[in-house]
Amino acid sequence: MLNVINGFYKPTSGQINFAGEDRKEMIPEFAAKSGIARTFQNIALFKGMSTLDNLMTGRLLKQKQNFLMQALYFGPVQKEEAYHRDKVERVIDFLDLQAIRRTPVGSLPYGLQKRVELGRALAMEPEILLLDEPMAGMNVEEKQDMSRFVLTANDEFKTTIVLIEHDMSVVMDISDRIVVLDYGKKIGEGKPSEILKNKAVIDAYLGVAD
């Protein structure tokens, strides 16, 4: 579903409605420019680059100066870079990444790499943030930290967050509204308390209902 929303997959039927516009399919570049960011189940970072540089790549689509001006690096380019650096510094502070700002992300433990990937997506200042199993492979403490960052990002950055996660305790704890899919078919939608009582969801995911 996330791949369809941000244009990696083309839907076989139906439409995507975003910002009041119906589209048969989404193009990744259009999705990013329109304010849709995402993270991946498998970490997709530039492993040889530092945490800071990885987060700066989240600002690329917002840069207005052309390649020649960037190569010359003077005047407006320096001013623009300072502006984008300030935006990234806010994300670094928010995610407690100060200690690893200059560290190549390939040398970081798994949990911190997932946090850096979240930071890169937040650096885009998205209207919608798609998180594909952000807690996968984490221990309990790392899941608690990531859950806190997701909830605070929703509140502080006013970002709508769409989360896919197989840890049902995490889903129930941090979600305002849940949509349940079973082999691509929607079988439930509602508040966590409503989903817990949904027979189709119980049968498919939570254990067979009596």
N, C-alpha and C. Protein backbone atom coordinates (compact mmCIF):
# COMPACT_ATOMS: atom_id res chain seq x y z
N MET A 1 0.82 -1.20 0.00
CA MET A 1 0.00 0.00 0.00
C MET A 1 0.87 1.27 0.00
N LEU A 2 1.91 1.26 0.86
CA LEU A 2 2.78 2.43 0.89
C LEU A 2 3.49 2.63 -0.44
N ASN A 3 3.89 1.54 -1.08
CA ASN A 3 4.55 1.64 -2.39
C ASN A 3 3.63 2.22 -3.45
N VAL A 4 2.35 1.95 -3.34
CA VAL A 4 1.37 2.54 -4.27
C VAL A 4 1.20 4.02 -3.99
N ILE A 5 1.10 4.37 -2.70
CA ILE A 5 0.87 5.77 -2.32
C ILE A 5 2.01 6.67 -2.79
N ASN A 6 3.27 6.20 -2.66
CA ASN A 6 4.35 7.10 -3.06
C ASN A 6 4.97 6.74 -4.41
N GLY A 7 4.30 5.89 -5.18
CA GLY A 7 4.64 5.76 -6.59
C GLY A 7 5.60 4.66 -6.97
N PHE A 8 6.04 3.82 -6.04
CA PHE A 8 6.92 2.71 -6.40
C PHE A 8 6.16 1.62 -7.14
N TYR A 9 4.91 1.40 -6.78
CA TYR A 9 4.06 0.45 -7.48
C TYR A 9 2.92 1.19 -8.17
N LYS A 10 2.48 0.64 -9.30
CA LYS A 10 1.32 1.18 -9.99
C LYS A 10 0.09 0.34 -9.63
N PRO A 11 -0.97 0.97 -9.18
CA PRO A 11 -2.16 0.19 -8.80
C PRO A 11 -2.83 -0.44 -10.01
N THR A 12 -3.38 -1.65 -9.83
CA THR A 12 -4.10 -2.31 -10.92
C THR A 12 -5.50 -1.73 -11.10
N SER A 13 -6.02 -1.10 -10.05
CA SER A 13 -7.33 -0.46 -10.15
C SER A 13 -7.44 0.58 -9.05
N GLY A 14 -8.48 1.41 -9.13
CA GLY A 14 -8.71 2.42 -8.10
C GLY A 14 -7.93 3.70 -8.36
N GLN A 15 -8.06 4.64 -7.43
CA GLN A 15 -7.40 5.94 -7.56
C GLN A 15 -6.80 6.36 -6.23
N ILE A 16 -5.84 7.26 -6.30
CA ILE A 16 -5.24 7.86 -5.12
C ILE A 16 -5.72 9.30 -5.06
N ASN A 17 -6.30 9.68 -3.94
CA ASN A 17 -6.73 11.07 -3.75
C ASN A 17 -5.80 11.72 -2.75
N PHE A 18 -5.09 12.75 -3.20
CA PHE A 18 -4.17 13.46 -2.32
C PHE A 18 -4.30 14.95 -2.57
N ALA A 19 -4.48 15.70 -1.49
CA ALA A 19 -4.62 17.16 -1.56
C ALA A 19 -5.75 17.56 -2.50
N GLY A 20 -6.84 16.78 -2.48
CA GLY A 20 -8.01 17.11 -3.27
C GLY A 20 -7.93 16.75 -4.72
N GLU A 21 -6.87 16.03 -5.11
CA GLU A 21 -6.68 15.67 -6.51
C GLU A 21 -6.67 14.15 -6.67
N ASP A 22 -7.48 13.65 -7.60
CA ASP A 22 -7.51 12.22 -7.90
C ASP A 22 -6.42 11.87 -8.91
N ARG A 23 -5.69 10.81 -8.63
CA ARG A 23 -4.64 10.37 -9.54
C ARG A 23 -4.75 8.86 -9.70
N LYS A 24 -4.64 8.39 -10.94
CA LYS A 24 -4.65 6.95 -11.17
C LYS A 24 -3.41 6.30 -10.58
N GLU A 25 -2.30 7.00 -10.67
CA GLU A 25 -1.06 6.50 -10.09
C GLU A 25 -0.23 7.69 -9.64
N MET A 26 0.66 7.43 -8.70
CA MET A 26 1.53 8.47 -8.19
C MET A 26 2.93 8.26 -8.75
N ILE A 27 3.64 9.35 -8.99
CA ILE A 27 5.03 9.29 -9.42
C ILE A 27 5.89 9.66 -8.22
N PRO A 28 6.95 8.89 -7.92
CA PRO A 28 7.74 9.15 -6.71
C PRO A 28 8.20 10.61 -6.58
N GLU A 29 8.68 11.21 -7.66
CA GLU A 29 9.15 12.59 -7.58
C GLU A 29 8.01 13.54 -7.22
N PHE A 30 6.83 13.32 -7.83
CA PHE A 30 5.67 14.16 -7.51
C PHE A 30 5.25 13.96 -6.06
N ALA A 31 5.28 12.71 -5.60
CA ALA A 31 4.90 12.43 -4.22
C ALA A 31 5.82 13.18 -3.26
N ALA A 32 7.12 13.12 -3.50
CA ALA A 32 8.08 13.80 -2.62
C ALA A 32 7.89 15.31 -2.65
N LYS A 33 7.72 15.87 -3.85
CA LYS A 33 7.54 17.31 -3.97
C LYS A 33 6.21 17.78 -3.39
N SER A 34 5.25 16.87 -3.33
CA SER A 34 3.92 17.23 -2.81
C SER A 34 3.84 17.12 -1.29
N GLY A 35 4.89 16.60 -0.67
CA GLY A 35 4.88 16.53 0.79
C GLY A 35 4.68 15.15 1.36
N ILE A 36 5.01 14.11 0.59
CA ILE A 36 4.92 12.73 1.08
C ILE A 36 6.34 12.19 1.26
N ALA A 37 6.68 11.81 2.48
CA ALA A 37 7.98 11.22 2.77
C ALA A 37 7.76 9.83 3.34
N ARG A 38 8.82 8.99 3.31
CA ARG A 38 8.66 7.65 3.85
C ARG A 38 9.99 7.10 4.36
N THR A 39 9.88 6.11 5.21
CA THR A 39 11.01 5.28 5.59
C THR A 39 10.73 3.87 5.09
N PHE A 40 11.76 3.01 5.11
CA PHE A 40 11.63 1.68 4.54
C PHE A 40 11.85 0.62 5.61
N GLN A 41 11.25 -0.55 5.40
CA GLN A 41 11.46 -1.66 6.32
C GLN A 41 12.93 -2.04 6.37
N ASN A 42 13.55 -2.13 5.19
CA ASN A 42 15.00 -2.34 5.11
C ASN A 42 15.66 -0.97 5.01
N ILE A 43 16.60 -0.71 5.89
CA ILE A 43 17.21 0.62 5.98
C ILE A 43 17.81 1.04 4.64
N ALA A 44 17.48 2.26 4.20
CA ALA A 44 17.96 2.78 2.91
C ALA A 44 18.68 4.11 3.15
N LEU A 45 19.88 4.01 3.73
CA LEU A 45 20.69 5.19 4.00
C LEU A 45 21.96 5.15 3.16
N PHE A 46 22.66 6.29 3.09
CA PHE A 46 23.97 6.34 2.44
C PHE A 46 25.00 5.98 3.51
N LYS A 47 25.43 4.72 3.52
CA LYS A 47 26.19 4.18 4.65
C LYS A 47 27.55 4.86 4.85
N GLY A 48 28.16 5.36 3.79
CA GLY A 48 29.46 6.00 3.93
C GLY A 48 29.38 7.47 4.33
N MET A 49 28.18 8.02 4.36
CA MET A 49 27.99 9.43 4.72
C MET A 49 27.63 9.56 6.19
N SER A 50 27.91 10.73 6.75
CA SER A 50 27.62 10.97 8.16
C SER A 50 26.12 11.12 8.39
N THR A 51 25.75 11.10 9.66
CA THR A 51 24.35 11.34 10.04
C THR A 51 23.88 12.68 9.51
N LEU A 52 24.70 13.72 9.70
CA LEU A 52 24.35 15.06 9.24
C LEU A 52 24.13 15.09 7.74
N ASP A 53 25.04 14.49 6.99
CA ASP A 53 24.93 14.52 5.52
C ASP A 53 23.72 13.72 5.05
N ASN A 54 23.41 12.61 5.71
CA ASN A 54 22.21 11.86 5.35
C ASN A 54 20.96 12.69 5.57
N LEU A 55 20.90 13.41 6.67
CA LEU A 55 19.73 14.25 6.93
C LEU A 55 19.65 15.41 5.93
N MET A 56 20.81 15.93 5.51
CA MET A 56 20.81 17.02 4.54
C MET A 56 20.23 16.58 3.20
N THR A 57 20.35 15.28 2.86
CA THR A 57 19.77 14.82 1.60
C THR A 57 18.24 14.95 1.62
N GLY A 58 17.67 14.99 2.80
CA GLY A 58 16.24 15.21 2.91
C GLY A 58 15.81 16.61 2.53
N ARG A 59 16.77 17.51 2.36
CA ARG A 59 16.46 18.90 1.99
C ARG A 59 16.68 19.18 0.50
N LEU A 60 17.13 18.17 -0.26
CA LEU A 60 17.53 18.41 -1.65
C LEU A 60 16.40 19.00 -2.50
N LEU A 61 15.18 18.48 -2.35
CA LEU A 61 14.08 18.96 -3.17
C LEU A 61 13.65 20.38 -2.81
N LYS A 62 14.10 20.88 -1.68
CA LYS A 62 13.74 22.23 -1.26
C LYS A 62 14.80 23.26 -1.63
N GLN A 63 15.92 22.79 -2.19
CA GLN A 63 16.97 23.71 -2.58
C GLN A 63 16.64 24.36 -3.92
N LYS A 64 16.79 25.68 -4.00
CA LYS A 64 16.40 26.43 -5.20
C LYS A 64 17.57 26.77 -6.12
N GLN A 65 18.78 26.79 -5.58
CA GLN A 65 19.94 27.17 -6.40
C GLN A 65 20.32 26.03 -7.35
N ASN A 66 20.72 26.38 -8.58
CA ASN A 66 21.07 25.36 -9.56
C ASN A 66 22.45 24.77 -9.30
N PHE A 67 22.80 23.76 -10.10
CA PHE A 67 24.04 23.02 -9.87
C PHE A 67 25.26 23.92 -10.01
N LEU A 68 25.25 24.82 -10.99
CA LEU A 68 26.40 25.70 -11.20
C LEU A 68 26.62 26.60 -10.00
N MET A 69 25.54 27.18 -9.49
CA MET A 69 25.66 28.06 -8.33
C MET A 69 26.16 27.28 -7.11
N GLN A 70 25.71 26.05 -6.97
CA GLN A 70 26.16 25.23 -5.85
C GLN A 70 27.65 24.90 -5.98
N ALA A 71 28.09 24.67 -7.22
CA ALA A 71 29.51 24.36 -7.44
C ALA A 71 30.39 25.56 -7.10
N LEU A 72 29.91 26.77 -7.45
CA LEU A 72 30.68 27.98 -7.15
C LEU A 72 30.66 28.31 -5.66
N TYR A 73 29.56 27.97 -5.01
CA TYR A 73 29.39 28.09 -3.56
C TYR A 73 29.76 29.49 -3.04
N PHE A 74 28.89 30.44 -3.34
CA PHE A 74 29.08 31.77 -2.78
C PHE A 74 27.71 32.44 -2.65
N GLY A 75 27.67 33.50 -1.88
CA GLY A 75 26.47 34.33 -1.76
C GLY A 75 25.20 33.58 -1.44
N PRO A 76 24.25 33.57 -2.39
CA PRO A 76 22.94 32.96 -2.14
C PRO A 76 23.02 31.47 -1.77
N VAL A 77 24.00 30.77 -2.33
CA VAL A 77 24.14 29.34 -2.04
C VAL A 77 24.51 29.13 -0.57
N GLN A 78 25.45 29.92 -0.07
CA GLN A 78 25.85 29.82 1.33
C GLN A 78 24.68 30.14 2.26
N LYS A 79 23.92 31.17 1.90
CA LYS A 79 22.77 31.56 2.71
C LYS A 79 21.72 30.46 2.72
N GLU A 80 21.47 29.86 1.53
CA GLU A 80 20.48 28.80 1.44
C GLU A 80 20.94 27.58 2.24
N GLU A 81 22.21 27.22 2.14
CA GLU A 81 22.70 26.05 2.87
C GLU A 81 22.57 26.26 4.37
N ALA A 82 22.85 27.48 4.83
CA ALA A 82 22.72 27.77 6.26
C ALA A 82 21.27 27.59 6.71
N TYR A 83 20.34 27.99 5.86
CA TYR A 83 18.92 27.84 6.18
C TYR A 83 18.54 26.37 6.31
N HIS A 84 18.97 25.57 5.33
CA HIS A 84 18.65 24.14 5.37
C HIS A 84 19.38 23.44 6.52
N ARG A 85 20.59 23.87 6.82
CA ARG A 85 21.33 23.29 7.94
C ARG A 85 20.60 23.54 9.25
N ASP A 86 20.03 24.73 9.41
CA ASP A 86 19.26 25.04 10.62
C ASP A 86 18.07 24.09 10.77
N LYS A 87 17.40 23.79 9.65
CA LYS A 87 16.26 22.87 9.67
C LYS A 87 16.71 21.47 10.11
N VAL A 88 17.85 21.04 9.58
CA VAL A 88 18.37 19.72 9.92
C VAL A 88 18.82 19.67 11.37
N GLU A 89 19.42 20.76 11.85
CA GLU A 89 19.87 20.80 13.25
C GLU A 89 18.69 20.64 14.20
N ARG A 90 17.55 21.18 13.83
CA ARG A 90 16.37 21.03 14.67
C ARG A 90 15.97 19.55 14.78
N VAL A 91 16.06 18.84 13.66
CA VAL A 91 15.73 17.42 13.66
C VAL A 91 16.75 16.63 14.47
N ILE A 92 18.03 16.98 14.33
CA ILE A 92 19.08 16.30 15.10
C ILE A 92 18.83 16.46 16.60
N ASP A 93 18.49 17.67 17.02
CA ASP A 93 18.20 17.90 18.43
C ASP A 93 16.97 17.12 18.86
N PHE A 94 15.95 17.12 18.02
CA PHE A 94 14.69 16.44 18.34
C PHE A 94 14.89 14.95 18.55
N LEU A 95 15.74 14.32 17.73
CA LEU A 95 15.95 12.87 17.80
C LEU A 95 17.16 12.47 18.64
N ASP A 96 17.75 13.44 19.33
CA ASP A 96 18.91 13.16 20.19
C ASP A 96 20.05 12.51 19.41
N LEU A 97 20.40 13.10 18.27
CA LEU A 97 21.45 12.54 17.42
C LEU A 97 22.75 13.36 17.47
N GLN A 98 22.86 14.28 18.43
CA GLN A 98 24.02 15.17 18.47
C GLN A 98 25.34 14.41 18.55
N ALA A 99 25.36 13.34 19.33
CA ALA A 99 26.62 12.62 19.56
C ALA A 99 27.12 11.87 18.34
N ILE A 100 26.24 11.64 17.35
CA ILE A 100 26.65 10.86 16.17
C ILE A 100 26.52 11.69 14.90
N ARG A 101 26.48 12.99 15.03
CA ARG A 101 26.25 13.85 13.86
C ARG A 101 27.31 13.68 12.79
N ARG A 102 28.57 13.42 13.17
CA ARG A 102 29.67 13.28 12.20
C ARG A 102 30.04 11.81 11.95
N THR A 103 29.30 10.90 12.53
CA THR A 103 29.63 9.48 12.41
C THR A 103 29.04 8.88 11.13
N PRO A 104 29.82 8.14 10.34
CA PRO A 104 29.25 7.45 9.17
C PRO A 104 28.15 6.49 9.64
N VAL A 105 26.99 6.55 8.99
CA VAL A 105 25.84 5.79 9.50
C VAL A 105 26.05 4.28 9.37
N GLY A 106 26.93 3.86 8.46
CA GLY A 106 27.19 2.43 8.31
C GLY A 106 27.82 1.80 9.54
N SER A 107 28.43 2.62 10.39
CA SER A 107 29.07 2.10 11.61
C SER A 107 28.16 2.17 12.82
N LEU A 108 26.94 2.66 12.65
CA LEU A 108 26.01 2.82 13.77
C LEU A 108 25.25 1.53 14.02
N PRO A 109 24.83 1.30 15.26
CA PRO A 109 23.97 0.14 15.52
C PRO A 109 22.62 0.30 14.83
N TYR A 110 21.94 -0.82 14.66
CA TYR A 110 20.69 -0.87 13.89
C TYR A 110 19.65 0.14 14.36
N GLY A 111 19.44 0.21 15.67
CA GLY A 111 18.41 1.11 16.20
C GLY A 111 18.68 2.57 15.86
N LEU A 112 19.94 2.99 15.92
CA LEU A 112 20.28 4.37 15.60
C LEU A 112 20.15 4.63 14.10
N GLN A 113 20.46 3.64 13.27
CA GLN A 113 20.27 3.82 11.84
C GLN A 113 18.79 4.05 11.51
N LYS A 114 17.91 3.31 12.19
CA LYS A 114 16.48 3.52 11.97
C LYS A 114 16.07 4.93 12.39
N ARG A 115 16.70 5.44 13.45
CA ARG A 115 16.38 6.78 13.90
C ARG A 115 16.88 7.83 12.92
N VAL A 116 18.07 7.59 12.34
CA VAL A 116 18.60 8.50 11.32
C VAL A 116 17.68 8.52 10.10
N GLU A 117 17.17 7.36 9.71
CA GLU A 117 16.27 7.31 8.57
C GLU A 117 14.98 8.09 8.85
N LEU A 118 14.48 7.99 10.07
CA LEU A 118 13.33 8.80 10.46
C LEU A 118 13.68 10.28 10.38
N GLY A 119 14.89 10.63 10.81
CA GLY A 119 15.32 12.03 10.76
C GLY A 119 15.39 12.57 9.34
N ARG A 120 15.89 11.76 8.42
CA ARG A 120 15.97 12.21 7.02
C ARG A 120 14.57 12.49 6.47
N ALA A 121 13.61 11.61 6.81
CA ALA A 121 12.24 11.83 6.35
C ALA A 121 11.64 13.08 6.98
N LEU A 122 11.90 13.31 8.26
CA LEU A 122 11.37 14.51 8.93
C LEU A 122 12.02 15.78 8.39
N ALA A 123 13.28 15.68 7.93
CA ALA A 123 13.96 16.85 7.37
C ALA A 123 13.28 17.36 6.11
N MET A 124 12.49 16.50 5.46
CA MET A 124 11.75 16.93 4.28
C MET A 124 10.54 17.80 4.62
N GLU A 125 10.22 17.90 5.92
CA GLU A 125 9.04 18.62 6.39
C GLU A 125 7.78 18.13 5.68
N PRO A 126 7.52 16.83 5.75
CA PRO A 126 6.40 16.27 4.99
C PRO A 126 5.05 16.58 5.63
N GLU A 127 4.03 16.62 4.78
CA GLU A 127 2.66 16.68 5.29
C GLU A 127 2.20 15.30 5.72
N ILE A 128 2.64 14.27 4.98
CA ILE A 128 2.34 12.88 5.32
C ILE A 128 3.64 12.11 5.39
N LEU A 129 3.83 11.39 6.48
CA LEU A 129 5.02 10.57 6.67
C LEU A 129 4.61 9.11 6.71
N LEU A 130 5.14 8.32 5.78
CA LEU A 130 4.83 6.90 5.70
C LEU A 130 5.96 6.12 6.37
N LEU A 131 5.63 5.37 7.41
CA LEU A 131 6.63 4.60 8.14
C LEU A 131 6.37 3.11 7.94
N ASP A 132 7.32 2.45 7.29
CA ASP A 132 7.18 1.03 6.98
C ASP A 132 7.92 0.21 8.04
N GLU A 133 7.19 -0.32 9.00
CA GLU A 133 7.73 -1.12 10.09
C GLU A 133 8.95 -0.47 10.75
N PRO A 134 8.77 0.71 11.32
CA PRO A 134 9.92 1.43 11.91
C PRO A 134 10.50 0.74 13.15
N MET A 135 9.74 -0.19 13.77
CA MET A 135 10.24 -0.88 14.96
C MET A 135 10.75 -2.28 14.67
N ALA A 136 10.74 -2.70 13.42
CA ALA A 136 11.15 -4.06 13.08
C ALA A 136 12.60 -4.32 13.52
N GLY A 137 12.83 -5.44 14.20
CA GLY A 137 14.17 -5.83 14.61
C GLY A 137 14.70 -5.12 15.83
N MET A 138 13.88 -4.30 16.49
CA MET A 138 14.34 -3.54 17.65
C MET A 138 14.04 -4.29 18.95
N ASN A 139 14.85 -3.98 19.97
CA ASN A 139 14.55 -4.51 21.29
C ASN A 139 13.50 -3.63 21.96
N VAL A 140 13.08 -3.99 23.16
CA VAL A 140 11.98 -3.28 23.83
C VAL A 140 12.31 -1.82 24.06
N GLU A 141 13.52 -1.53 24.53
CA GLU A 141 13.91 -0.15 24.81
C GLU A 141 13.93 0.68 23.54
N GLU A 142 14.46 0.11 22.45
CA GLU A 142 14.50 0.84 21.18
C GLU A 142 13.09 1.11 20.66
N LYS A 143 12.20 0.14 20.83
CA LYS A 143 10.81 0.35 20.41
C LYS A 143 10.15 1.46 21.20
N GLN A 144 10.43 1.53 22.48
CA GLN A 144 9.86 2.58 23.31
C GLN A 144 10.36 3.95 22.86
N ASP A 145 11.66 4.04 22.57
CA ASP A 145 12.22 5.31 22.09
C ASP A 145 11.60 5.72 20.77
N MET A 146 11.50 4.78 19.82
CA MET A 146 10.95 5.09 18.52
C MET A 146 9.48 5.49 18.63
N SER A 147 8.72 4.81 19.47
CA SER A 147 7.32 5.16 19.68
C SER A 147 7.18 6.58 20.20
N ARG A 148 8.07 6.94 21.12
CA ARG A 148 8.05 8.30 21.67
C ARG A 148 8.34 9.33 20.58
N PHE A 149 9.33 9.05 19.73
CA PHE A 149 9.67 9.98 18.67
C PHE A 149 8.53 10.12 17.66
N VAL A 150 7.87 9.01 17.34
CA VAL A 150 6.75 9.05 16.38
C VAL A 150 5.61 9.91 16.93
N LEU A 151 5.26 9.69 18.19
CA LEU A 151 4.17 10.46 18.80
C LEU A 151 4.52 11.94 18.90
N THR A 152 5.76 12.23 19.28
CA THR A 152 6.17 13.63 19.43
C THR A 152 6.28 14.32 18.08
N ALA A 153 6.73 13.59 17.05
CA ALA A 153 6.80 14.17 15.70
C ALA A 153 5.42 14.55 15.20
N ASN A 154 4.45 13.70 15.49
CA ASN A 154 3.06 13.99 15.10
C ASN A 154 2.58 15.27 15.78
N ASP A 155 2.98 15.47 17.02
CA ASP A 155 2.53 16.63 17.78
C ASP A 155 3.33 17.88 17.46
N GLU A 156 4.68 17.75 17.43
CA GLU A 156 5.54 18.93 17.28
C GLU A 156 5.61 19.42 15.85
N PHE A 157 5.72 18.50 14.88
CA PHE A 157 5.86 18.89 13.49
C PHE A 157 4.52 18.93 12.75
N LYS A 158 3.43 18.55 13.44
CA LYS A 158 2.09 18.55 12.85
C LYS A 158 2.04 17.70 11.59
N THR A 159 2.74 16.58 11.62
CA THR A 159 2.82 15.68 10.47
C THR A 159 1.83 14.53 10.63
N THR A 160 1.03 14.29 9.60
CA THR A 160 0.17 13.11 9.59
C THR A 160 1.04 11.89 9.35
N ILE A 161 0.92 10.88 10.19
CA ILE A 161 1.79 9.71 10.10
C ILE A 161 0.96 8.46 9.79
N VAL A 162 1.37 7.76 8.73
CA VAL A 162 0.78 6.47 8.38
C VAL A 162 1.81 5.41 8.72
N LEU A 163 1.46 4.50 9.62
CA LEU A 163 2.41 3.54 10.15
C LEU A 163 1.97 2.12 9.83
N ILE A 164 2.89 1.33 9.29
CA ILE A 164 2.67 -0.12 9.16
C ILE A 164 3.56 -0.80 10.19
N GLU A 165 2.97 -1.64 11.03
CA GLU A 165 3.74 -2.28 12.08
C GLU A 165 3.05 -3.58 12.49
N HIS A 166 3.85 -4.65 12.67
CA HIS A 166 3.30 -5.95 13.02
C HIS A 166 3.30 -6.20 14.53
N ASP A 167 3.94 -5.32 15.29
CA ASP A 167 3.88 -5.43 16.74
C ASP A 167 2.55 -4.81 17.20
N MET A 168 1.58 -5.64 17.50
CA MET A 168 0.23 -5.14 17.78
C MET A 168 0.17 -4.29 19.04
N SER A 169 1.05 -4.54 20.01
CA SER A 169 1.05 -3.71 21.21
C SER A 169 1.47 -2.28 20.87
N VAL A 170 2.44 -2.13 19.96
CA VAL A 170 2.86 -0.80 19.51
C VAL A 170 1.72 -0.12 18.77
N VAL A 171 1.09 -0.86 17.86
CA VAL A 171 -0.02 -0.30 17.07
C VAL A 171 -1.12 0.21 17.98
N MET A 172 -1.50 -0.60 18.95
CA MET A 172 -2.60 -0.23 19.85
C MET A 172 -2.23 0.95 20.74
N ASP A 173 -0.95 1.05 21.11
CA ASP A 173 -0.53 2.09 22.04
C ASP A 173 -0.44 3.47 21.40
N ILE A 174 -0.01 3.55 20.13
CA ILE A 174 0.30 4.87 19.56
C ILE A 174 -0.65 5.33 18.45
N SER A 175 -1.60 4.49 18.06
CA SER A 175 -2.45 4.84 16.92
C SER A 175 -3.73 5.56 17.36
N ASP A 176 -4.11 6.58 16.59
CA ASP A 176 -5.42 7.21 16.78
C ASP A 176 -6.50 6.42 16.05
N ARG A 177 -6.13 5.91 14.89
CA ARG A 177 -7.07 5.17 14.06
C ARG A 177 -6.32 4.06 13.34
N ILE A 178 -6.95 2.91 13.22
CA ILE A 178 -6.30 1.74 12.63
C ILE A 178 -7.12 1.23 11.45
N VAL A 179 -6.41 0.91 10.37
CA VAL A 179 -7.01 0.22 9.22
C VAL A 179 -6.31 -1.13 9.10
N VAL A 180 -7.08 -2.20 9.02
CA VAL A 180 -6.52 -3.54 8.98
C VAL A 180 -6.74 -4.14 7.59
N LEU A 181 -5.65 -4.59 6.97
CA LEU A 181 -5.71 -5.25 5.67
C LEU A 181 -5.37 -6.73 5.83
N ASP A 182 -6.08 -7.56 5.11
CA ASP A 182 -5.80 -9.00 5.08
C ASP A 182 -5.71 -9.42 3.62
N TYR A 183 -4.48 -9.69 3.15
CA TYR A 183 -4.24 -10.01 1.73
C TYR A 183 -4.82 -8.92 0.81
N GLY A 184 -4.58 -7.66 1.20
CA GLY A 184 -4.99 -6.54 0.36
C GLY A 184 -6.43 -6.10 0.53
N LYS A 185 -7.21 -6.81 1.30
CA LYS A 185 -8.62 -6.46 1.50
C LYS A 185 -8.80 -5.85 2.88
N LYS A 186 -9.50 -4.72 2.95
CA LYS A 186 -9.74 -4.08 4.24
C LYS A 186 -10.78 -4.86 5.02
N ILE A 187 -10.40 -5.27 6.22
CA ILE A 187 -11.33 -6.06 7.04
C ILE A 187 -11.72 -5.34 8.33
N GLY A 188 -11.11 -4.18 8.57
CA GLY A 188 -11.47 -3.45 9.78
C GLY A 188 -10.94 -2.04 9.75
N GLU A 189 -11.66 -1.12 10.40
CA GLU A 189 -11.22 0.27 10.50
C GLU A 189 -11.88 0.89 11.72
N GLY A 190 -11.10 1.63 12.50
CA GLY A 190 -11.67 2.29 13.66
C GLY A 190 -10.63 2.62 14.70
N LYS A 191 -11.08 3.00 15.88
CA LYS A 191 -10.20 3.28 17.00
C LYS A 191 -9.62 1.96 17.53
N PRO A 192 -8.48 2.02 18.23
CA PRO A 192 -7.90 0.77 18.77
C PRO A 192 -8.90 -0.05 19.58
N SER A 193 -9.71 0.59 20.40
CA SER A 193 -10.69 -0.15 21.21
C SER A 193 -11.70 -0.88 20.34
N GLU A 194 -12.02 -0.29 19.17
CA GLU A 194 -12.97 -0.93 18.25
C GLU A 194 -12.32 -2.10 17.52
N ILE A 195 -11.06 -1.94 17.14
CA ILE A 195 -10.35 -3.00 16.42
C ILE A 195 -10.18 -4.23 17.30
N LEU A 196 -9.95 -4.02 18.59
CA LEU A 196 -9.77 -5.14 19.51
C LEU A 196 -11.02 -6.03 19.60
N LYS A 197 -12.18 -5.46 19.25
CA LYS A 197 -13.43 -6.21 19.33
C LYS A 197 -13.91 -6.70 17.96
N ASN A 198 -13.15 -6.39 16.90
CA ASN A 198 -13.56 -6.74 15.54
C ASN A 198 -13.27 -8.22 15.29
N LYS A 199 -14.31 -9.02 15.03
CA LYS A 199 -14.15 -10.47 14.89
C LYS A 199 -13.24 -10.83 13.71
N ALA A 200 -13.40 -10.14 12.58
CA ALA A 200 -12.58 -10.46 11.41
C ALA A 200 -11.10 -10.21 11.70
N VAL A 201 -10.80 -9.15 12.44
CA VAL A 201 -9.41 -8.83 12.80
C VAL A 201 -8.88 -9.86 13.79
N ILE A 202 -9.70 -10.22 14.75
CA ILE A 202 -9.28 -11.22 15.74
C ILE A 202 -8.94 -12.54 15.05
N ASP A 203 -9.80 -12.96 14.14
CA ASP A 203 -9.57 -14.22 13.43
C ASP A 203 -8.29 -14.19 12.59
N ALA A 204 -8.02 -13.02 11.95
CA ALA A 204 -6.89 -12.93 11.03
C ALA A 204 -5.57 -12.66 11.74
N TYR A 205 -5.58 -11.90 12.83
CA TYR A 205 -4.32 -11.43 13.41
C TYR A 205 -4.15 -11.70 14.90
N LEU A 206 -5.23 -11.67 15.64
CA LEU A 206 -5.11 -11.69 17.10
C LEU A 206 -5.43 -13.03 17.72
N GLY A 207 -5.78 -14.01 16.91
CA GLY A 207 -6.18 -15.31 17.44
C GLY A 207 -7.65 -15.57 17.12
N VAL A 208 -8.03 -16.80 16.92
CA VAL A 208 -9.38 -17.15 16.49
C VAL A 208 -10.39 -16.77 17.56
N ALA A 209 -11.44 -16.04 17.13
CA ALA A 209 -12.48 -15.63 18.06
C ALA A 209 -13.43 -16.80 18.34
N ASP A 210 -14.02 -16.81 19.53
CA ASP A 210 -14.99 -17.85 19.88
C ASP A 210 -16.30 -17.63 19.11
